[in-house]
């Protein structure tokens, strides 16, 4: 059995929603207003994210977006201490996010976290900005992306610790043996999940792991 720390990105690994920041910076206001008026009801987050990314002019380069994100994104305190703890204790860390590789990769690369696995929306710019989400089996999906990874980890027999904050984290977090939560995720799982821990900084996560992880995965 392997211990896996599964982290959301927006509002979790970083302090704010980087996707919202990117869209606010690079989507023209008139295009955004028109989108809000015409977007169909019942879209999944995956579908909504794809539609919103398409609003960015294709003349905007990946490098421009990366430069903006590196100036804007603020990493939650204690992340490197958490990665050190995982390394020393034989746990794997992975990001599972409905965000996009074009802004998540630059942040993690700058922190030299090149060995951290990343499961995100995969973007390309060929005449227009596009994103695709692939399940662990390599199948393109338009719903349940995070859940597909949570189930895959669980099916492999691993001990999964989920770290997140939002509505899209609720179902995948329910698959995990332990959950660190804040904001909406904490509210939704309070009184439901047997191992639910609030956090604000990753130091909070490390403190609980130091105390509890040896019980979860005896050496």
N, C-alpha and C. Protein backbone atom coordinates (compact mmCIF):
# COMPACT_ATOMS: atom_id res chain seq x y z
N UNK A 1 0.84 -1.19 0.00
CA UNK A 1 0.00 0.00 0.00
C UNK A 1 0.88 1.24 0.00
N UNK A 2 0.55 2.18 -0.86
CA UNK A 2 1.30 3.43 -0.98
C UNK A 2 0.42 4.58 -0.49
N UNK A 3 1.04 5.55 0.21
CA UNK A 3 0.32 6.74 0.61
C UNK A 3 0.38 7.79 -0.49
N UNK A 4 -0.78 8.33 -0.86
CA UNK A 4 -0.85 9.34 -1.91
C UNK A 4 -1.50 10.60 -1.35
N UNK A 5 -0.81 11.72 -1.52
CA UNK A 5 -1.37 13.02 -1.19
C UNK A 5 -1.89 13.63 -2.49
N UNK A 6 -3.19 13.78 -2.59
CA UNK A 6 -3.85 14.24 -3.81
C UNK A 6 -4.33 15.67 -3.59
N UNK A 7 -3.71 16.63 -4.28
CA UNK A 7 -3.98 18.04 -4.04
C UNK A 7 -4.73 18.69 -5.21
N UNK A 8 -5.76 19.44 -4.86
CA UNK A 8 -6.35 20.38 -5.81
C UNK A 8 -5.37 21.54 -6.00
N UNK A 9 -5.56 22.34 -7.04
CA UNK A 9 -4.63 23.46 -7.30
C UNK A 9 -5.24 24.80 -6.94
N UNK A 10 -6.26 25.24 -7.68
CA UNK A 10 -6.83 26.57 -7.47
C UNK A 10 -7.48 26.67 -6.10
N UNK A 11 -7.15 27.72 -5.37
CA UNK A 11 -7.66 27.96 -4.01
C UNK A 11 -7.17 26.93 -2.99
N UNK A 12 -6.31 26.02 -3.41
CA UNK A 12 -5.78 25.01 -2.49
C UNK A 12 -4.26 25.08 -2.48
N UNK A 13 -3.61 24.62 -3.53
CA UNK A 13 -2.16 24.74 -3.60
C UNK A 13 -1.75 26.20 -3.70
N UNK A 14 -2.53 26.99 -4.43
CA UNK A 14 -2.33 28.44 -4.46
C UNK A 14 -3.48 29.11 -3.72
N UNK A 15 -3.27 30.35 -3.33
CA UNK A 15 -4.21 31.02 -2.43
C UNK A 15 -5.50 31.44 -3.12
N UNK A 16 -5.46 31.70 -4.42
CA UNK A 16 -6.64 32.17 -5.13
C UNK A 16 -6.91 31.29 -6.34
N UNK A 17 -7.99 31.61 -7.05
CA UNK A 17 -8.34 30.84 -8.24
C UNK A 17 -7.60 31.41 -9.44
N UNK A 18 -6.52 30.74 -9.82
CA UNK A 18 -5.67 31.24 -10.90
C UNK A 18 -6.41 31.25 -12.23
N UNK A 19 -7.28 30.28 -12.45
CA UNK A 19 -8.05 30.27 -13.69
C UNK A 19 -8.87 31.54 -13.83
N UNK A 20 -9.53 31.95 -12.75
CA UNK A 20 -10.32 33.20 -12.79
C UNK A 20 -9.43 34.39 -13.09
N UNK A 21 -8.24 34.39 -12.52
CA UNK A 21 -7.31 35.49 -12.75
C UNK A 21 -6.85 35.54 -14.21
N UNK A 22 -6.58 34.38 -14.78
CA UNK A 22 -6.16 34.31 -16.18
C UNK A 22 -7.28 34.80 -17.10
N UNK A 23 -8.50 34.35 -16.83
CA UNK A 23 -9.62 34.76 -17.67
C UNK A 23 -9.88 36.26 -17.54
N UNK A 24 -9.78 36.78 -16.32
CA UNK A 24 -10.00 38.22 -16.13
C UNK A 24 -8.95 39.05 -16.86
N UNK A 25 -7.75 38.51 -16.98
CA UNK A 25 -6.67 39.25 -17.64
C UNK A 25 -6.72 39.13 -19.16
N UNK A 26 -7.07 37.97 -19.69
CA UNK A 26 -6.88 37.74 -21.13
C UNK A 26 -8.18 37.62 -21.94
N UNK A 27 -9.34 37.58 -21.30
CA UNK A 27 -10.59 37.53 -22.05
C UNK A 27 -11.16 38.94 -22.17
N UNK A 28 -11.42 39.43 -23.39
CA UNK A 28 -12.03 40.76 -23.55
C UNK A 28 -13.37 40.84 -22.83
N UNK A 29 -13.65 41.99 -22.24
CA UNK A 29 -14.86 42.14 -21.45
C UNK A 29 -16.12 41.90 -22.27
N UNK A 30 -16.14 42.34 -23.53
CA UNK A 30 -17.34 42.14 -24.35
C UNK A 30 -17.56 40.66 -24.65
N UNK A 31 -16.47 39.92 -24.87
CA UNK A 31 -16.59 38.48 -25.12
C UNK A 31 -17.08 37.76 -23.87
N UNK A 32 -16.63 38.21 -22.71
CA UNK A 32 -17.06 37.59 -21.46
C UNK A 32 -18.53 37.87 -21.20
N UNK A 33 -18.96 39.10 -21.46
CA UNK A 33 -20.37 39.45 -21.25
C UNK A 33 -21.27 38.64 -22.17
N UNK A 34 -20.86 38.48 -23.42
CA UNK A 34 -21.66 37.70 -24.37
C UNK A 34 -21.73 36.24 -23.95
N UNK A 35 -20.62 35.72 -23.46
CA UNK A 35 -20.60 34.32 -23.01
C UNK A 35 -21.56 34.12 -21.85
N UNK A 36 -21.56 35.03 -20.89
CA UNK A 36 -22.43 34.89 -19.74
C UNK A 36 -23.90 34.92 -20.13
N UNK A 37 -24.22 35.67 -21.17
CA UNK A 37 -25.60 35.77 -21.62
C UNK A 37 -26.06 34.53 -22.36
N UNK A 38 -25.14 33.83 -22.99
CA UNK A 38 -25.53 32.75 -23.90
C UNK A 38 -25.10 31.35 -23.44
N UNK A 39 -24.37 31.26 -22.34
CA UNK A 39 -23.87 29.92 -21.97
C UNK A 39 -25.04 29.01 -21.61
N UNK A 40 -24.97 27.77 -22.05
CA UNK A 40 -26.08 26.83 -21.79
C UNK A 40 -26.11 26.38 -20.34
N UNK A 41 -27.29 26.08 -19.86
CA UNK A 41 -27.44 25.57 -18.49
C UNK A 41 -27.00 24.12 -18.43
N UNK A 42 -26.61 23.69 -17.26
CA UNK A 42 -26.29 22.29 -17.05
C UNK A 42 -24.92 21.86 -17.50
N UNK A 43 -24.03 22.81 -17.80
CA UNK A 43 -22.68 22.42 -18.19
C UNK A 43 -21.92 21.84 -17.00
N UNK A 44 -21.08 20.86 -17.26
CA UNK A 44 -20.14 20.40 -16.24
C UNK A 44 -19.02 21.42 -16.13
N UNK A 45 -18.23 21.30 -15.07
CA UNK A 45 -17.09 22.20 -14.91
C UNK A 45 -16.12 22.01 -16.06
N UNK A 46 -15.92 20.78 -16.49
CA UNK A 46 -15.02 20.51 -17.61
C UNK A 46 -15.50 21.25 -18.87
N UNK A 47 -16.78 21.17 -19.16
CA UNK A 47 -17.33 21.83 -20.34
C UNK A 47 -17.26 23.35 -20.21
N UNK A 48 -17.56 23.84 -19.04
CA UNK A 48 -17.52 25.28 -18.81
C UNK A 48 -16.09 25.81 -18.94
N UNK A 49 -15.13 25.10 -18.38
CA UNK A 49 -13.74 25.53 -18.49
C UNK A 49 -13.28 25.57 -19.94
N UNK A 50 -13.69 24.57 -20.73
CA UNK A 50 -13.31 24.54 -22.14
C UNK A 50 -13.90 25.74 -22.89
N UNK A 51 -15.16 26.05 -22.61
CA UNK A 51 -15.80 27.19 -23.26
C UNK A 51 -15.14 28.51 -22.87
N UNK A 52 -14.76 28.61 -21.62
CA UNK A 52 -14.13 29.85 -21.14
C UNK A 52 -12.74 30.01 -21.72
N UNK A 53 -11.97 28.93 -21.80
CA UNK A 53 -10.64 29.01 -22.40
C UNK A 53 -10.71 29.46 -23.85
N UNK A 54 -11.74 29.02 -24.55
CA UNK A 54 -11.92 29.36 -25.96
C UNK A 54 -12.12 30.86 -26.16
N UNK A 55 -12.45 31.59 -25.10
CA UNK A 55 -12.65 33.03 -25.20
C UNK A 55 -11.33 33.81 -25.29
N UNK A 56 -10.23 33.16 -24.92
CA UNK A 56 -8.93 33.83 -25.00
C UNK A 56 -8.48 33.88 -26.45
N UNK A 57 -8.07 35.03 -26.89
CA UNK A 57 -7.64 35.21 -28.28
C UNK A 57 -6.45 34.29 -28.56
N UNK A 58 -6.45 33.57 -29.68
CA UNK A 58 -5.34 32.66 -29.99
C UNK A 58 -4.00 33.37 -30.19
N UNK A 59 -4.03 34.69 -30.36
CA UNK A 59 -2.77 35.43 -30.48
C UNK A 59 -2.03 35.53 -29.15
N UNK A 60 -2.75 35.28 -28.06
CA UNK A 60 -2.11 35.27 -26.74
C UNK A 60 -1.30 33.99 -26.62
N UNK A 61 -0.03 34.12 -26.31
CA UNK A 61 0.85 32.95 -26.28
C UNK A 61 0.87 32.28 -24.92
N UNK A 62 1.32 31.04 -24.93
CA UNK A 62 1.50 30.29 -23.68
C UNK A 62 2.49 31.02 -22.77
N UNK A 63 3.53 31.60 -23.38
CA UNK A 63 4.54 32.31 -22.60
C UNK A 63 3.97 33.54 -21.91
N UNK A 64 3.07 34.27 -22.57
CA UNK A 64 2.44 35.43 -21.95
C UNK A 64 1.61 35.02 -20.74
N UNK A 65 0.87 33.95 -20.88
CA UNK A 65 0.04 33.48 -19.77
C UNK A 65 0.91 33.01 -18.62
N UNK A 66 1.98 32.28 -18.93
CA UNK A 66 2.88 31.79 -17.89
C UNK A 66 3.53 32.96 -17.14
N UNK A 67 3.96 33.98 -17.87
CA UNK A 67 4.60 35.13 -17.23
C UNK A 67 3.62 35.83 -16.29
N UNK A 68 2.38 35.98 -16.72
CA UNK A 68 1.36 36.61 -15.87
C UNK A 68 1.12 35.79 -14.61
N UNK A 69 1.01 34.49 -14.77
CA UNK A 69 0.71 33.63 -13.63
C UNK A 69 1.85 33.64 -12.62
N UNK A 70 3.09 33.64 -13.09
CA UNK A 70 4.22 33.63 -12.18
C UNK A 70 4.32 34.92 -11.38
N UNK A 71 3.77 35.99 -11.90
CA UNK A 71 3.73 37.25 -11.16
C UNK A 71 2.54 37.31 -10.21
N UNK A 72 1.51 36.51 -10.49
CA UNK A 72 0.23 36.65 -9.78
C UNK A 72 -0.01 35.57 -8.74
N UNK A 73 0.29 34.34 -9.06
CA UNK A 73 -0.06 33.22 -8.18
C UNK A 73 0.75 33.25 -6.89
N UNK A 74 0.07 33.03 -5.78
CA UNK A 74 0.72 32.98 -4.48
C UNK A 74 0.52 31.58 -3.90
N UNK A 75 1.61 30.88 -3.72
CA UNK A 75 1.56 29.50 -3.23
C UNK A 75 1.20 29.50 -1.74
N UNK A 76 0.35 28.58 -1.35
CA UNK A 76 -0.06 28.49 0.05
C UNK A 76 1.14 28.13 0.92
N UNK A 77 1.24 28.77 2.05
CA UNK A 77 2.38 28.60 2.94
C UNK A 77 2.52 27.14 3.39
N UNK A 78 3.76 26.68 3.38
CA UNK A 78 4.06 25.34 3.87
C UNK A 78 4.12 24.27 2.81
N UNK A 79 3.94 24.64 1.53
CA UNK A 79 3.92 23.62 0.48
C UNK A 79 5.23 22.84 0.42
N UNK A 80 6.36 23.53 0.45
CA UNK A 80 7.64 22.84 0.34
C UNK A 80 7.91 21.97 1.56
N UNK A 81 7.42 22.40 2.72
CA UNK A 81 7.55 21.55 3.90
C UNK A 81 6.73 20.27 3.74
N UNK A 82 5.56 20.40 3.11
CA UNK A 82 4.73 19.22 2.86
C UNK A 82 5.41 18.28 1.86
N UNK A 83 6.00 18.84 0.81
CA UNK A 83 6.69 17.98 -0.17
C UNK A 83 7.89 17.30 0.47
N UNK A 84 8.59 18.01 1.37
CA UNK A 84 9.71 17.38 2.09
C UNK A 84 9.21 16.23 2.95
N UNK A 85 8.10 16.46 3.67
CA UNK A 85 7.55 15.40 4.51
C UNK A 85 7.21 14.17 3.66
N UNK A 86 6.57 14.40 2.52
CA UNK A 86 6.19 13.28 1.65
C UNK A 86 7.42 12.53 1.18
N UNK A 87 8.46 13.25 0.81
CA UNK A 87 9.69 12.61 0.32
C UNK A 87 10.34 11.77 1.41
N UNK A 88 10.44 12.34 2.59
CA UNK A 88 11.11 11.63 3.69
C UNK A 88 10.32 10.42 4.16
N UNK A 89 9.01 10.45 3.98
CA UNK A 89 8.18 9.37 4.51
C UNK A 89 7.65 8.42 3.44
N UNK A 90 8.11 8.59 2.21
CA UNK A 90 7.75 7.65 1.15
C UNK A 90 6.35 7.80 0.60
N UNK A 91 5.76 8.99 0.74
CA UNK A 91 4.45 9.26 0.18
C UNK A 91 4.61 9.91 -1.20
N UNK A 92 3.63 9.69 -2.06
CA UNK A 92 3.61 10.31 -3.38
C UNK A 92 2.68 11.52 -3.36
N UNK A 93 3.09 12.59 -4.02
CA UNK A 93 2.25 13.78 -4.13
C UNK A 93 1.82 13.97 -5.58
N UNK A 94 0.56 14.28 -5.76
CA UNK A 94 0.05 14.52 -7.10
C UNK A 94 -0.97 15.64 -7.08
N UNK A 95 -0.96 16.43 -8.13
CA UNK A 95 -1.98 17.46 -8.32
C UNK A 95 -3.05 16.90 -9.25
N UNK A 96 -4.30 16.96 -8.82
CA UNK A 96 -5.43 16.60 -9.68
C UNK A 96 -6.34 17.81 -9.72
N UNK A 97 -6.39 18.46 -10.87
CA UNK A 97 -7.06 19.76 -10.96
C UNK A 97 -7.81 19.90 -12.27
N UNK A 98 -8.94 20.58 -12.19
CA UNK A 98 -9.68 20.94 -13.41
C UNK A 98 -9.09 22.17 -14.07
N UNK A 99 -8.04 22.72 -13.48
CA UNK A 99 -7.31 23.83 -14.10
C UNK A 99 -6.49 23.34 -15.27
N UNK A 100 -5.70 24.23 -15.83
CA UNK A 100 -4.99 23.96 -17.08
C UNK A 100 -3.48 23.84 -16.88
N UNK A 101 -2.87 22.96 -17.66
CA UNK A 101 -1.42 22.81 -17.59
C UNK A 101 -0.69 24.11 -17.92
N UNK A 102 -1.27 24.98 -18.74
CA UNK A 102 -0.56 26.18 -19.18
C UNK A 102 -0.31 27.15 -18.04
N UNK A 103 -1.02 27.02 -16.91
CA UNK A 103 -0.67 27.87 -15.76
C UNK A 103 -0.23 27.06 -14.54
N UNK A 104 -0.60 25.79 -14.46
CA UNK A 104 -0.18 24.98 -13.33
C UNK A 104 1.29 24.57 -13.47
N UNK A 105 1.69 24.14 -14.66
CA UNK A 105 3.07 23.71 -14.87
C UNK A 105 4.08 24.81 -14.56
N UNK A 106 3.89 26.05 -15.02
CA UNK A 106 4.88 27.09 -14.69
C UNK A 106 5.06 27.30 -13.19
N UNK A 107 3.97 27.25 -12.44
CA UNK A 107 4.07 27.45 -10.99
C UNK A 107 4.87 26.33 -10.34
N UNK A 108 4.54 25.08 -10.68
CA UNK A 108 5.25 23.95 -10.08
C UNK A 108 6.69 23.86 -10.56
N UNK A 109 6.92 24.20 -11.83
CA UNK A 109 8.28 24.17 -12.36
C UNK A 109 9.16 25.21 -11.67
N UNK A 110 8.60 26.38 -11.41
CA UNK A 110 9.38 27.43 -10.74
C UNK A 110 9.79 26.98 -9.33
N UNK A 111 8.93 26.19 -8.70
CA UNK A 111 9.23 25.65 -7.37
C UNK A 111 10.13 24.42 -7.42
N UNK A 112 10.51 24.02 -8.64
CA UNK A 112 11.36 22.84 -8.87
C UNK A 112 10.68 21.55 -8.39
N UNK A 113 9.37 21.53 -8.54
CA UNK A 113 8.60 20.32 -8.17
C UNK A 113 8.33 19.50 -9.43
N UNK A 114 9.39 19.25 -10.18
CA UNK A 114 9.25 18.57 -11.45
C UNK A 114 8.87 17.10 -11.28
N UNK A 115 9.07 16.54 -10.09
CA UNK A 115 8.73 15.13 -9.88
C UNK A 115 7.31 14.95 -9.36
N UNK A 116 6.60 16.05 -9.12
CA UNK A 116 5.23 15.95 -8.65
C UNK A 116 4.32 15.62 -9.84
N UNK A 117 3.57 14.54 -9.72
CA UNK A 117 2.67 14.16 -10.81
C UNK A 117 1.58 15.23 -10.97
N UNK A 118 1.14 15.43 -12.21
CA UNK A 118 0.15 16.46 -12.50
C UNK A 118 -0.91 15.91 -13.44
N UNK A 119 -2.14 15.91 -12.98
CA UNK A 119 -3.27 15.48 -13.80
C UNK A 119 -4.19 16.69 -13.91
N UNK A 120 -4.15 17.33 -15.08
CA UNK A 120 -4.84 18.60 -15.28
C UNK A 120 -5.46 18.63 -16.67
N UNK A 121 -6.15 19.71 -16.98
CA UNK A 121 -6.60 19.92 -18.34
C UNK A 121 -5.40 20.16 -19.25
N UNK A 122 -5.37 19.46 -20.36
CA UNK A 122 -4.24 19.59 -21.31
C UNK A 122 -4.63 20.55 -22.43
N UNK A 123 -3.87 21.60 -22.54
CA UNK A 123 -4.24 22.67 -23.49
C UNK A 123 -3.37 22.65 -24.73
N UNK A 124 -3.94 23.23 -25.79
CA UNK A 124 -3.18 23.47 -27.01
C UNK A 124 -3.77 24.69 -27.70
N UNK A 125 -2.94 25.32 -28.51
CA UNK A 125 -3.37 26.51 -29.24
C UNK A 125 -3.09 26.30 -30.72
N UNK A 126 -4.09 25.77 -31.41
CA UNK A 126 -4.01 25.57 -32.86
C UNK A 126 -5.21 26.29 -33.46
N UNK A 127 -5.01 27.52 -33.84
CA UNK A 127 -6.06 28.42 -34.34
C UNK A 127 -6.99 28.91 -33.25
N UNK A 128 -7.07 28.18 -32.15
CA UNK A 128 -7.88 28.59 -31.00
C UNK A 128 -7.37 27.84 -29.78
N UNK A 129 -7.66 28.39 -28.60
CA UNK A 129 -7.27 27.72 -27.37
C UNK A 129 -8.27 26.60 -27.06
N UNK A 130 -7.74 25.42 -26.79
CA UNK A 130 -8.57 24.25 -26.50
C UNK A 130 -8.00 23.50 -25.29
N UNK A 131 -8.88 22.81 -24.58
CA UNK A 131 -8.44 21.98 -23.47
C UNK A 131 -9.17 20.64 -23.53
N UNK A 132 -8.45 19.60 -23.13
CA UNK A 132 -9.03 18.27 -23.06
C UNK A 132 -8.68 17.65 -21.72
N UNK A 133 -9.61 16.89 -21.19
CA UNK A 133 -9.41 16.17 -19.93
C UNK A 133 -9.38 14.68 -20.23
N UNK A 134 -8.36 13.99 -19.71
CA UNK A 134 -8.22 12.56 -19.95
C UNK A 134 -8.26 11.79 -18.63
N UNK A 135 -9.02 10.72 -18.62
CA UNK A 135 -9.11 9.86 -17.45
C UNK A 135 -7.81 9.09 -17.28
N UNK A 136 -7.63 8.37 -16.16
CA UNK A 136 -6.42 7.55 -16.00
C UNK A 136 -6.22 6.51 -17.11
N UNK A 137 -7.30 6.15 -17.79
CA UNK A 137 -7.19 5.21 -18.91
C UNK A 137 -6.91 5.90 -20.24
N UNK A 138 -6.74 7.21 -20.21
CA UNK A 138 -6.46 7.94 -21.43
C UNK A 138 -7.67 8.25 -22.27
N UNK A 139 -8.85 8.14 -21.67
CA UNK A 139 -10.10 8.42 -22.39
C UNK A 139 -10.50 9.87 -22.13
N UNK A 140 -10.83 10.60 -23.19
CA UNK A 140 -11.26 11.98 -23.01
C UNK A 140 -12.62 12.02 -22.32
N UNK A 141 -12.72 12.86 -21.29
CA UNK A 141 -13.97 12.96 -20.53
C UNK A 141 -14.42 14.41 -20.46
N UNK A 142 -15.72 14.60 -20.31
CA UNK A 142 -16.28 15.93 -20.15
C UNK A 142 -17.00 16.07 -18.81
N UNK A 143 -16.83 15.07 -17.95
CA UNK A 143 -17.41 15.09 -16.61
C UNK A 143 -16.66 14.07 -15.77
N UNK A 144 -16.58 14.32 -14.44
CA UNK A 144 -16.01 13.35 -13.53
C UNK A 144 -14.51 13.16 -13.61
N UNK A 145 -13.79 14.17 -14.08
CA UNK A 145 -12.34 14.03 -14.24
C UNK A 145 -11.65 13.75 -12.91
N UNK A 146 -11.90 14.59 -11.91
CA UNK A 146 -11.26 14.38 -10.60
C UNK A 146 -11.68 13.05 -9.99
N UNK A 147 -12.95 12.74 -10.10
CA UNK A 147 -13.45 11.51 -9.52
C UNK A 147 -12.80 10.29 -10.15
N UNK A 148 -12.52 10.35 -11.44
CA UNK A 148 -11.90 9.21 -12.11
C UNK A 148 -10.53 8.90 -11.53
N UNK A 149 -9.78 9.93 -11.16
CA UNK A 149 -8.46 9.70 -10.56
C UNK A 149 -8.58 9.22 -9.12
N UNK A 150 -9.51 9.79 -8.37
CA UNK A 150 -9.70 9.35 -6.99
C UNK A 150 -10.06 7.86 -6.95
N UNK A 151 -10.93 7.43 -7.85
CA UNK A 151 -11.33 6.03 -7.90
C UNK A 151 -10.16 5.15 -8.36
N UNK A 152 -9.37 5.64 -9.29
CA UNK A 152 -8.23 4.86 -9.78
C UNK A 152 -7.21 4.63 -8.66
N UNK A 153 -6.93 5.67 -7.88
CA UNK A 153 -6.02 5.51 -6.74
C UNK A 153 -6.58 4.50 -5.75
N UNK A 154 -7.87 4.63 -5.48
CA UNK A 154 -8.52 3.74 -4.53
C UNK A 154 -8.50 2.29 -5.03
N UNK A 155 -8.79 2.11 -6.31
CA UNK A 155 -8.81 0.77 -6.89
C UNK A 155 -7.44 0.11 -6.88
N UNK A 156 -6.39 0.93 -6.84
CA UNK A 156 -5.03 0.39 -6.81
C UNK A 156 -4.62 -0.07 -5.42
N UNK A 157 -5.50 0.18 -4.45
CA UNK A 157 -5.21 -0.24 -3.09
C UNK A 157 -4.38 0.74 -2.30
N UNK A 158 -4.24 1.98 -2.81
CA UNK A 158 -3.43 2.97 -2.12
C UNK A 158 -4.22 3.66 -1.01
N UNK A 159 -3.51 4.27 -0.07
CA UNK A 159 -4.13 5.06 0.98
C UNK A 159 -4.13 6.50 0.49
N UNK A 160 -5.31 7.03 0.21
CA UNK A 160 -5.44 8.34 -0.43
C UNK A 160 -5.82 9.40 0.59
N UNK A 161 -5.02 10.45 0.64
CA UNK A 161 -5.33 11.64 1.43
C UNK A 161 -5.63 12.77 0.45
N UNK A 162 -6.84 13.30 0.52
CA UNK A 162 -7.29 14.32 -0.42
C UNK A 162 -7.21 15.69 0.23
N UNK A 163 -6.71 16.67 -0.52
CA UNK A 163 -6.57 18.04 -0.01
C UNK A 163 -7.27 18.98 -0.98
N UNK A 164 -8.35 19.62 -0.54
CA UNK A 164 -9.09 20.48 -1.46
C UNK A 164 -9.96 21.49 -0.76
N UNK A 165 -10.77 22.19 -1.58
CA UNK A 165 -11.57 23.28 -1.00
C UNK A 165 -12.96 23.43 -1.60
N UNK A 166 -13.19 22.99 -2.83
CA UNK A 166 -14.40 23.41 -3.53
C UNK A 166 -15.43 22.32 -3.78
N UNK A 167 -16.49 22.72 -4.45
CA UNK A 167 -17.58 21.80 -4.77
C UNK A 167 -17.11 20.65 -5.64
N UNK A 168 -16.21 20.92 -6.57
CA UNK A 168 -15.73 19.86 -7.46
C UNK A 168 -14.87 18.84 -6.73
N UNK A 169 -14.48 19.14 -5.49
CA UNK A 169 -13.67 18.22 -4.70
C UNK A 169 -14.52 17.27 -3.85
N UNK A 170 -15.81 17.53 -3.74
CA UNK A 170 -16.64 16.78 -2.79
C UNK A 170 -16.66 15.29 -3.13
N UNK A 171 -17.03 14.93 -4.35
CA UNK A 171 -17.14 13.52 -4.71
C UNK A 171 -15.80 12.80 -4.69
N UNK A 172 -14.72 13.37 -5.26
CA UNK A 172 -13.44 12.66 -5.15
C UNK A 172 -12.96 12.54 -3.71
N UNK A 173 -13.22 13.56 -2.87
CA UNK A 173 -12.79 13.48 -1.48
C UNK A 173 -13.51 12.37 -0.74
N UNK A 174 -14.74 12.10 -1.13
CA UNK A 174 -15.49 11.01 -0.48
C UNK A 174 -14.85 9.65 -0.74
N UNK A 175 -14.02 9.55 -1.78
CA UNK A 175 -13.34 8.30 -2.08
C UNK A 175 -12.09 8.10 -1.24
N UNK A 176 -11.60 9.19 -0.60
CA UNK A 176 -10.33 9.15 0.10
C UNK A 176 -10.49 8.64 1.53
N UNK A 177 -9.42 8.07 2.05
CA UNK A 177 -9.44 7.59 3.43
C UNK A 177 -9.28 8.72 4.44
N UNK A 178 -8.68 9.84 4.02
CA UNK A 178 -8.55 11.01 4.89
C UNK A 178 -8.64 12.25 4.02
N UNK A 179 -9.16 13.33 4.59
CA UNK A 179 -9.38 14.56 3.82
C UNK A 179 -8.94 15.77 4.63
N UNK A 180 -8.17 16.64 3.99
CA UNK A 180 -7.87 17.96 4.52
C UNK A 180 -8.69 18.95 3.70
N UNK A 181 -9.50 19.75 4.39
CA UNK A 181 -10.48 20.56 3.67
C UNK A 181 -10.57 21.97 4.24
N UNK A 182 -11.00 22.85 3.38
CA UNK A 182 -11.33 24.21 3.77
C UNK A 182 -12.52 24.65 2.93
N UNK A 183 -13.13 25.76 3.31
CA UNK A 183 -14.20 26.39 2.55
C UNK A 183 -15.35 25.40 2.29
N UNK A 184 -15.82 25.35 1.04
CA UNK A 184 -16.99 24.56 0.68
C UNK A 184 -16.81 23.07 0.99
N UNK A 185 -15.64 22.54 0.69
CA UNK A 185 -15.41 21.11 0.93
C UNK A 185 -15.54 20.78 2.40
N UNK A 186 -15.02 21.62 3.26
CA UNK A 186 -15.11 21.40 4.70
C UNK A 186 -16.57 21.42 5.15
N UNK A 187 -17.33 22.38 4.64
CA UNK A 187 -18.75 22.49 5.00
C UNK A 187 -19.53 21.26 4.55
N UNK A 188 -19.24 20.78 3.35
CA UNK A 188 -20.01 19.67 2.79
C UNK A 188 -19.71 18.34 3.49
N UNK A 189 -18.46 18.14 3.93
CA UNK A 189 -18.09 16.85 4.49
C UNK A 189 -18.11 16.82 6.02
N UNK A 190 -18.33 17.97 6.63
CA UNK A 190 -18.34 18.01 8.10
C UNK A 190 -19.46 17.12 8.64
N UNK A 191 -19.11 16.26 9.57
CA UNK A 191 -20.07 15.34 10.15
C UNK A 191 -20.32 14.11 9.30
N UNK A 192 -19.69 14.05 8.13
CA UNK A 192 -19.89 12.90 7.22
C UNK A 192 -18.65 12.04 7.12
N UNK A 193 -17.49 12.67 6.87
CA UNK A 193 -16.27 11.90 6.67
C UNK A 193 -15.59 11.62 8.01
N UNK A 194 -15.19 10.37 8.24
CA UNK A 194 -14.62 10.02 9.55
C UNK A 194 -13.24 10.60 9.80
N UNK A 195 -12.49 10.93 8.74
CA UNK A 195 -11.16 11.53 8.92
C UNK A 195 -11.12 12.85 8.14
N UNK A 196 -11.70 13.86 8.72
CA UNK A 196 -11.79 15.18 8.09
C UNK A 196 -11.04 16.19 8.96
N UNK A 197 -10.07 16.88 8.34
CA UNK A 197 -9.23 17.82 9.08
C UNK A 197 -9.25 19.19 8.39
N UNK A 198 -9.58 20.25 9.11
CA UNK A 198 -9.52 21.59 8.51
C UNK A 198 -8.06 22.03 8.37
N UNK A 199 -7.80 22.90 7.40
CA UNK A 199 -6.46 23.45 7.25
C UNK A 199 -6.56 24.84 6.63
N UNK A 200 -5.55 25.63 6.87
CA UNK A 200 -5.39 26.91 6.18
C UNK A 200 -4.03 26.99 5.51
N UNK A 201 -3.00 26.56 6.22
CA UNK A 201 -1.66 26.46 5.62
C UNK A 201 -1.27 24.98 5.58
N UNK A 202 -0.30 24.66 4.73
CA UNK A 202 0.13 23.26 4.64
C UNK A 202 0.89 22.82 5.88
N UNK A 203 1.32 23.77 6.71
CA UNK A 203 1.89 23.39 8.00
C UNK A 203 0.86 22.61 8.82
N UNK A 204 -0.42 23.02 8.70
CA UNK A 204 -1.49 22.31 9.40
C UNK A 204 -1.57 20.86 8.94
N UNK A 205 -1.41 20.64 7.65
CA UNK A 205 -1.46 19.29 7.09
C UNK A 205 -0.30 18.45 7.61
N UNK A 206 0.90 19.05 7.59
CA UNK A 206 2.09 18.32 8.05
C UNK A 206 1.93 17.91 9.51
N UNK A 207 1.40 18.81 10.34
CA UNK A 207 1.25 18.52 11.76
C UNK A 207 0.37 17.29 11.98
N UNK A 208 -0.73 17.20 11.24
CA UNK A 208 -1.62 16.05 11.39
C UNK A 208 -0.96 14.79 10.83
N UNK A 209 -0.29 14.91 9.71
CA UNK A 209 0.36 13.74 9.12
C UNK A 209 1.44 13.19 10.05
N UNK A 210 2.19 14.06 10.68
CA UNK A 210 3.22 13.61 11.62
C UNK A 210 2.60 12.77 12.73
N UNK A 211 1.42 13.18 13.16
CA UNK A 211 0.76 12.51 14.28
C UNK A 211 -0.01 11.26 13.86
N UNK A 212 -0.71 11.33 12.72
CA UNK A 212 -1.66 10.30 12.35
C UNK A 212 -1.16 9.31 11.29
N UNK A 213 -0.30 9.76 10.39
CA UNK A 213 0.11 8.89 9.26
C UNK A 213 0.71 7.57 9.69
N UNK A 214 1.51 7.52 10.77
CA UNK A 214 2.04 6.21 11.18
C UNK A 214 0.95 5.21 11.56
N UNK A 215 -0.21 5.70 11.98
CA UNK A 215 -1.34 4.79 12.28
C UNK A 215 -2.01 4.32 10.99
N UNK A 216 -1.99 5.19 9.97
CA UNK A 216 -2.66 4.84 8.71
C UNK A 216 -1.82 3.87 7.90
N UNK A 217 -0.52 4.09 7.89
CA UNK A 217 0.38 3.23 7.12
C UNK A 217 1.52 2.77 8.03
N UNK A 218 1.28 1.76 8.85
CA UNK A 218 2.32 1.27 9.75
C UNK A 218 3.53 0.78 8.94
N UNK A 219 4.71 1.07 9.46
CA UNK A 219 5.93 0.65 8.78
C UNK A 219 6.17 -0.84 9.03
